Amino acid sequence: MSEVQRASIQYPGGLAARYRWGGSGSADEVFGLSESGGSLVDHVELAGGDPARMCRAELRIEGPLGEWTARFASPVFDEPAGLLWDTEAQLVVKYGFLVYGLGSRSGALRWTHRSGTPVVVVLGSARLDHVIIQTEVETLAVAADGEVRWRVAHSDVIAAAELVGGTLTLTSYGGDVAALDPSTGQTLR
């Protein structure tokens, strides 16, 4: 079991986020300091598997319109990360093999996406009508209702992805770099 990790992030609009996460079997340690107030939802059933053996994470949000807490589970150790999709009033959180579209004001689950491999990063831009989910072997564009708009499979494991100058740049584990149009998923030359 690993030590409980912590991160605090200030999102636009006054949303203060506090993440806590730990390794397999660490639920008691991760949730031992849970703050009271607002709603609390545990999404452990979405990850499948034995909850007692899962890695666990908790996200606490405090903002001008209220407070809420969401809990997540993963079969692999991962650092949770979120992206505020302000035009859709969603906080999109990746943890392990799952991505959660949560209402940024209430924490209500709007959609989920499960991947066959761990999620590397979730990216977004005010110029896109979707978020980009980058897994180790696939890139997806997901709309505000959870619908997959497009997807691209990769032959090598993607280790990093970033939006730079209107281009989605992917770096594989082997060091190859590819460029995609973030609007369509088409390969750029």
C-alpha atoms as a PDB file:
ATOM      1  CA  MET A   1       0.000   0.000   0.000  1.00  0.00           C
ATOM      2  CA  SER A   2       1.339   3.427  -0.912  1.00  0.00           C
ATOM      3  CA  GLU A   3       1.173   6.627   1.120  1.00  0.00           C
ATOM      4  CA  VAL A   4      -1.864   8.820   0.472  1.00  0.00           C
ATOM      5  CA  GLN A   5      -1.064  11.509  -2.094  1.00  0.00           C
ATOM      6  CA  ARG A   6      -2.657  14.970  -2.227  1.00  0.00           C
ATOM      7  CA  ALA A   7      -3.082  17.794  -4.726  1.00  0.00           C
ATOM      8  CA  SER A   8      -4.978  21.086  -4.623  1.00  0.00           C
ATOM      9  CA  ILE A   9      -6.060  22.854  -7.810  1.00  0.00           C
ATOM     10  CA  GLN A  10      -7.900  26.116  -8.325  1.00  0.00           C
ATOM     11  CA  TYR A  11     -10.139  25.935 -11.418  1.00  0.00           C
ATOM     12  CA  PRO A  12     -11.664  29.039 -13.052  1.00  0.00           C
ATOM     13  CA  GLY A  13     -14.950  30.278 -11.612  1.00  0.00           C
ATOM     14  CA  GLY A  14     -13.827  29.881  -8.022  1.00  0.00           C
ATOM     15  CA  LEU A  15     -13.844  26.058  -7.967  1.00  0.00           C
ATOM     16  CA  ALA A  16     -11.328  24.817  -5.431  1.00  0.00           C
ATOM     17  CA  ALA A  17     -10.461  21.130  -5.878  1.00  0.00           C
ATOM     18  CA  ARG A  18      -8.682  18.849  -3.459  1.00  0.00           C
ATOM     19  CA  TYR A  19      -7.670  15.410  -4.692  1.00  0.00           C
ATOM     20  CA  ARG A  20      -6.501  12.549  -2.437  1.00  0.00           C
ATOM     21  CA  TRP A  21      -5.517   9.116  -3.735  1.00  0.00           C
ATOM     22  CA  GLY A  22      -3.719   5.960  -2.684  1.00  0.00           C
ATOM     23  CA  GLY A  23      -2.774   2.466  -3.746  1.00  0.00           C
ATOM     24  CA  SER A  24      -4.598  -0.826  -3.528  1.00  0.00           C
ATOM     25  CA  GLY A  25      -6.522  -1.297  -0.296  1.00  0.00           C
ATOM     26  CA  SER A  26      -6.049   2.316   0.842  1.00  0.00           C
ATOM     27  CA  ALA A  27      -9.696   3.390   1.020  1.00  0.00           C
ATOM     28  CA  ASP A  28      -9.628   3.869   4.805  1.00  0.00           C
ATOM     29  CA  GLU A  29      -6.590   6.144   4.591  1.00  0.00           C
ATOM     30  CA  VAL A  30      -7.828   8.088   1.539  1.00  0.00           C
ATOM     31  CA  PHE A  31     -11.323   8.624   2.945  1.00  0.00           C
ATOM     32  CA  GLY A  32     -10.292   8.960   6.599  1.00  0.00           C
ATOM     33  CA  LEU A  33     -10.086  12.750   6.333  1.00  0.00           C
ATOM     34  CA  SER A  34     -13.193  13.299   4.172  1.00  0.00           C
ATOM     35  CA  GLU A  35     -14.713  16.707   4.701  1.00  0.00           C
ATOM     36  CA  SER A  36     -18.382  17.080   5.512  1.00  0.00           C
ATOM     37  CA  GLY A  37     -20.908  19.199   3.674  1.00  0.00           C
ATOM     38  CA  GLY A  38     -22.496  18.875   0.271  1.00  0.00           C
ATOM     39  CA  SER A  39     -23.200  15.677  -1.611  1.00  0.00           C
ATOM     40  CA  LEU A  40     -21.005  12.583  -1.587  1.00  0.00           C
ATOM     41  CA  VAL A  41     -21.077   9.999  -4.386  1.00  0.00           C
ATOM     42  CA  ASP A  42     -18.879   6.903  -4.622  1.00  0.00           C
ATOM     43  CA  HIS A  43     -18.407   5.662  -8.205  1.00  0.00           C
ATOM     44  CA  VAL A  44     -16.642   2.439  -7.168  1.00  0.00           C
ATOM     45  CA  GLU A  45     -19.180   0.237  -8.992  1.00  0.00           C
ATOM     46  CA  LEU A  46     -18.207   1.765 -12.352  1.00  0.00           C
ATOM     47  CA  ALA A  47     -14.632   0.453 -12.019  1.00  0.00           C
ATOM     48  CA  GLY A  48     -15.733  -3.143 -11.392  1.00  0.00           C
ATOM     49  CA  GLY A  49     -13.701  -5.584  -9.351  1.00  0.00           C
ATOM     50  CA  ASP A  50     -13.337  -6.001  -5.611  1.00  0.00           C
ATOM     51  CA  PRO A  51     -13.554  -2.531  -3.959  1.00  0.00           C
ATOM     52  CA  ALA A  52     -11.299  -3.670  -1.099  1.00  0.00           C
ATOM     53  CA  ARG A  53      -8.470  -4.374  -3.555  1.00  0.00           C
ATOM     54  CA  MET A  54      -8.865  -1.259  -5.705  1.00  0.00           C
ATOM     55  CA  CYS A  55      -6.781   1.897  -5.663  1.00  0.00           C
ATOM     56  CA  ARG A  56      -8.990   4.754  -4.515  1.00  0.00           C
ATOM     57  CA  ALA A  57      -9.263   8.499  -5.041  1.00  0.00           C
ATOM     58  CA  GLU A  58     -11.434  11.288  -3.692  1.00  0.00           C
ATOM     59  CA  LEU A  59     -12.199  14.690  -5.198  1.00  0.00           C
ATOM     60  CA  ARG A  60     -13.602  17.466  -3.013  1.00  0.00           C
ATOM     61  CA  ILE A  61     -14.963  20.588  -4.749  1.00  0.00           C
ATOM     62  CA  GLU A  62     -15.884  23.836  -3.030  1.00  0.00           C
ATOM     63  CA  GLY A  63     -17.236  26.724  -5.069  1.00  0.00           C
ATOM     64  CA  PRO A  64     -19.500  29.736  -4.931  1.00  0.00           C
ATOM     65  CA  LEU A  65     -22.560  27.550  -5.617  1.00  0.00           C
ATOM     66  CA  GLY A  66     -21.856  24.723  -3.195  1.00  0.00           C
ATOM     67  CA  GLU A  67     -19.734  21.764  -2.203  1.00  0.00           C
ATOM     68  CA  TRP A  68     -19.554  18.165  -3.349  1.00  0.00           C
ATOM     69  CA  THR A  69     -17.337  15.101  -3.111  1.00  0.00           C
ATOM     70  CA  ALA A  70     -16.826  12.247  -5.580  1.00  0.00           C
ATOM     71  CA  ARG A  71     -14.942   9.007  -4.978  1.00  0.00           C
ATOM     72  CA  PHE A  72     -13.352   6.843  -7.664  1.00  0.00           C
ATOM     73  CA  ALA A  73     -11.721   3.410  -7.960  1.00  0.00           C
ATOM     74  CA  SER A  74      -9.095   1.894 -10.250  1.00  0.00           C
ATOM     75  CA  PRO A  75      -7.414  -1.502 -10.579  1.00  0.00           C
ATOM     76  CA  VAL A  76      -4.108   0.321 -11.298  1.00  0.00           C
ATOM     77  CA  PHE A  77      -2.350   3.036  -9.314  1.00  0.00           C
ATOM     78  CA  ASP A  78      -2.937   6.394 -10.986  1.00  0.00           C
ATOM     79  CA  GLU A  79      -2.986  10.083 -10.186  1.00  0.00           C
ATOM     80  CA  PRO A  80      -6.463  11.525 -10.758  1.00  0.00           C
ATOM     81  CA  ALA A  81      -6.633  14.666 -12.892  1.00  0.00           C
ATOM     82  CA  GLY A  82      -9.447  16.949 -13.965  1.00  0.00           C
ATOM     83  CA  LEU A  83     -10.222  19.435 -16.691  1.00  0.00           C
ATOM     84  CA  LEU A  84     -12.829  22.145 -16.213  1.00  0.00           C
ATOM     85  CA  TRP A  85     -14.923  22.221 -19.384  1.00  0.00           C
ATOM     86  CA  ASP A  86     -16.496  25.553 -18.555  1.00  0.00           C
ATOM     87  CA  THR A  87     -18.643  25.937 -21.698  1.00  0.00           C
ATOM     88  CA  GLU A  88     -20.429  22.700 -20.742  1.00  0.00           C
ATOM     89  CA  ALA A  89     -20.292  23.235 -16.948  1.00  0.00           C
ATOM     90  CA  GLN A  90     -18.484  19.918 -16.532  1.00  0.00           C
ATOM     91  CA  LEU A  91     -15.446  18.798 -14.632  1.00  0.00           C
ATOM     92  CA  VAL A  92     -13.969  15.918 -16.643  1.00  0.00           C
ATOM     93  CA  VAL A  93     -11.900  13.640 -14.395  1.00  0.00           C
ATOM     94  CA  LYS A  94      -9.626  10.789 -15.462  1.00  0.00           C
ATOM     95  CA  TYR A  95      -8.627   8.032 -13.069  1.00  0.00           C
ATOM     96  CA  GLY A  96      -7.266   4.653 -14.132  1.00  0.00           C
ATOM     97  CA  PHE A  97      -9.271   3.258 -17.042  1.00  0.00           C
ATOM     98  CA  LEU A  98     -12.239   5.622 -16.632  1.00  0.00           C
ATOM     99  CA  VAL A  99     -13.157   9.201 -17.484  1.00  0.00           C
ATOM    100  CA  TYR A 100     -16.074  10.856 -15.678  1.00  0.00           C
ATOM    101  CA  GLY A 101     -18.075  13.848 -16.935  1.00  0.00           C
ATOM    102  CA  LEU A 102     -19.319  15.499 -13.720  1.00  0.00           C
ATOM    103  CA  GLY A 103     -21.518  18.556 -13.378  1.00  0.00           C
ATOM    104  CA  SER A 104     -19.096  21.197 -12.131  1.00  0.00           C
ATOM    105  CA  ARG A 105     -21.639  22.753  -9.745  1.00  0.00           C
ATOM    106  CA  SER A 106     -23.200  19.596  -8.327  1.00  0.00           C
ATOM    107  CA  GLY A 107     -20.864  16.682  -9.054  1.00  0.00           C
ATOM    108  CA  ALA A 108     -23.749  14.855 -10.770  1.00  0.00           C
ATOM    109  CA  LEU A 109     -22.500  12.136 -13.107  1.00  0.00           C
ATOM    110  CA  ARG A 110     -23.390  13.081 -16.684  1.00  0.00           C
ATOM    111  CA  TRP A 111     -21.392  10.412 -18.524  1.00  0.00           C
ATOM    112  CA  THR A 112     -18.498   7.972 -18.236  1.00  0.00           C
ATOM    113  CA  HIS A 113     -16.113   6.420 -20.703  1.00  0.00           C
ATOM    114  CA  ARG A 114     -14.227   3.193 -19.992  1.00  0.00           C
ATOM    115  CA  SER A 115     -10.978   2.439 -21.821  1.00  0.00           C
ATOM    116  CA  GLY A 116      -9.218  -0.866 -22.311  1.00  0.00           C
ATOM    117  CA  THR A 117      -5.935   0.782 -21.274  1.00  0.00           C
ATOM    118  CA  PRO A 118      -5.100   3.482 -18.729  1.00  0.00           C
ATOM    119  CA  VAL A 119      -6.081   7.058 -19.584  1.00  0.00           C
ATOM    120  CA  VAL A 120      -3.003   9.245 -20.079  1.00  0.00           C
ATOM    121  CA  VAL A 121      -4.656  12.685 -20.150  1.00  0.00           C
ATOM    122  CA  VAL A 122      -7.874  14.565 -20.879  1.00  0.00           C
ATOM    123  CA  LEU A 123      -7.494  17.720 -22.985  1.00  0.00           C
ATOM    124  CA  GLY A 124      -9.863  20.499 -23.977  1.00  0.00           C
ATOM    125  CA  SER A 125     -10.111  23.900 -25.576  1.00  0.00           C
ATOM    126  CA  ALA A 126     -12.828  26.536 -25.846  1.00  0.00           C
ATOM    127  CA  ARG A 127     -12.405  26.131 -29.626  1.00  0.00           C
ATOM    128  CA  LEU A 128     -13.504  22.493 -29.547  1.00  0.00           C
ATOM    129  CA  ASP A 129     -17.032  21.149 -29.053  1.00  0.00           C
ATOM    130  CA  HIS A 130     -15.631  18.031 -27.378  1.00  0.00           C
ATOM    131  CA  VAL A 131     -12.909  16.939 -24.989  1.00  0.00           C
ATOM    132  CA  ILE A 132     -10.060  14.713 -26.089  1.00  0.00           C
ATOM    133  CA  ILE A 133      -9.392  11.545 -24.133  1.00  0.00           C
ATOM    134  CA  GLN A 134      -5.944  10.119 -24.681  1.00  0.00           C
ATOM    135  CA  THR A 135      -5.434   6.526 -23.600  1.00  0.00           C
ATOM    136  CA  GLU A 136      -2.290   4.489 -24.062  1.00  0.00           C
ATOM    137  CA  VAL A 137      -3.471   3.147 -27.437  1.00  0.00           C
ATOM    138  CA  GLU A 138      -6.379   5.327 -28.569  1.00  0.00           C
ATOM    139  CA  THR A 139      -7.386   8.978 -28.981  1.00  0.00           C
ATOM    140  CA  LEU A 140     -11.082   9.854 -28.662  1.00  0.00           C
ATOM    141  CA  ALA A 141     -13.216  12.969 -28.985  1.00  0.00           C
ATOM    142  CA  VAL A 142     -16.147  12.907 -26.557  1.00  0.00           C
ATOM    143  CA  ALA A 143     -19.096  15.329 -26.671  1.00  0.00           C
ATOM    144  CA  ALA A 144     -20.825  16.867 -23.649  1.00  0.00           C
ATOM    145  CA  ASP A 145     -23.394  14.036 -23.577  1.00  0.00           C
ATOM    146  CA  GLY A 146     -20.670  11.341 -23.583  1.00  0.00           C
ATOM    147  CA  GLU A 147     -21.059  10.443 -27.266  1.00  0.00           C
ATOM    148  CA  VAL A 148     -17.806   9.475 -28.987  1.00  0.00           C
ATOM    149  CA  ARG A 149     -17.441  11.776 -32.021  1.00  0.00           C
ATOM    150  CA  TRP A 150     -14.295  10.186 -33.451  1.00  0.00           C
ATOM    151  CA  ARG A 151     -11.539   7.805 -32.421  1.00  0.00           C
ATOM    152  CA  VAL A 152      -8.060   6.963 -33.658  1.00  0.00           C
ATOM    153  CA  ALA A 153      -6.169   3.782 -32.740  1.00  0.00           C
ATOM    154  CA  HIS A 154      -2.371   3.767 -32.373  1.00  0.00           C
ATOM    155  CA  SER A 155       0.151   0.981 -32.991  1.00  0.00           C
ATOM    156  CA  ASP A 156       2.521   2.136 -30.209  1.00  0.00           C
ATOM    157  CA  VAL A 157       1.764   3.170 -26.633  1.00  0.00           C
ATOM    158  CA  ILE A 158       1.160   6.919 -26.329  1.00  0.00           C
ATOM    159  CA  ALA A 159       3.176   8.339 -23.435  1.00  0.00           C
ATOM    160  CA  ALA A 160       2.237  12.036 -23.792  1.00  0.00           C
ATOM    161  CA  ALA A 161      -0.318  14.220 -25.550  1.00  0.00           C
ATOM    162  CA  GLU A 162      -0.740  17.980 -25.694  1.00  0.00           C
ATOM    163  CA  LEU A 163      -2.646  20.662 -27.589  1.00  0.00           C
ATOM    164  CA  VAL A 164      -0.186  23.134 -29.086  1.00  0.00           C
ATOM    165  CA  GLY A 165      -1.032  25.786 -31.659  1.00  0.00           C
ATOM    166  CA  GLY A 166      -4.241  24.105 -32.798  1.00  0.00           C
ATOM    167  CA  THR A 167      -2.543  20.712 -33.166  1.00  0.00           C
ATOM    168  CA  LEU A 168      -2.848  17.591 -31.024  1.00  0.00           C
ATOM    169  CA  THR A 169       0.725  16.352 -30.636  1.00  0.00           C
ATOM    170  CA  LEU A 170       1.209  12.744 -29.536  1.00  0.00           C
ATOM    171  CA  THR A 171       4.488  11.220 -28.393  1.00  0.00           C
ATOM    172  CA  SER A 172       4.764   7.431 -28.335  1.00  0.00           C
ATOM    173  CA  TYR A 173       6.704   5.371 -25.833  1.00  0.00           C
ATOM    174  CA  GLY A 174       9.174   4.646 -28.644  1.00  0.00           C
ATOM    175  CA  GLY A 175       9.754   8.385 -29.193  1.00  0.00           C
ATOM    176  CA  ASP A 176       7.742   8.828 -32.392  1.00  0.00           C
ATOM    177  CA  VAL A 177       5.758  12.059 -32.688  1.00  0.00           C
ATOM    178  CA  ALA A 178       2.435  12.328 -34.521  1.00  0.00           C
ATOM    179  CA  ALA A 179       0.176  15.324 -35.157  1.00  0.00           C
ATOM    180  CA  LEU A 180      -3.616  15.157 -35.344  1.00  0.00           C
ATOM    181  CA  ASP A 181      -6.273  17.741 -36.094  1.00  0.00           C
ATOM    182  CA  PRO A 182      -8.029  17.999 -32.697  1.00  0.00           C
ATOM    183  CA  SER A 183     -11.358  18.797 -34.410  1.00  0.00           C
ATOM    184  CA  THR A 184     -11.466  15.717 -36.667  1.00  0.00           C
ATOM    185  CA  GLY A 185      -8.749  13.290 -35.574  1.00  0.00           C
ATOM    186  CA  GLN A 186      -7.226  13.388 -39.050  1.00  0.00           C
ATOM    187  CA  THR A 187      -3.452  12.947 -39.290  1.00  0.00           C
ATOM    188  CA  LEU A 188      -1.598  16.157 -40.117  1.00  0.00           C
ATOM    189  CA  ARG A 189       1.574  16.097 -42.184  1.00  0.00           C
END
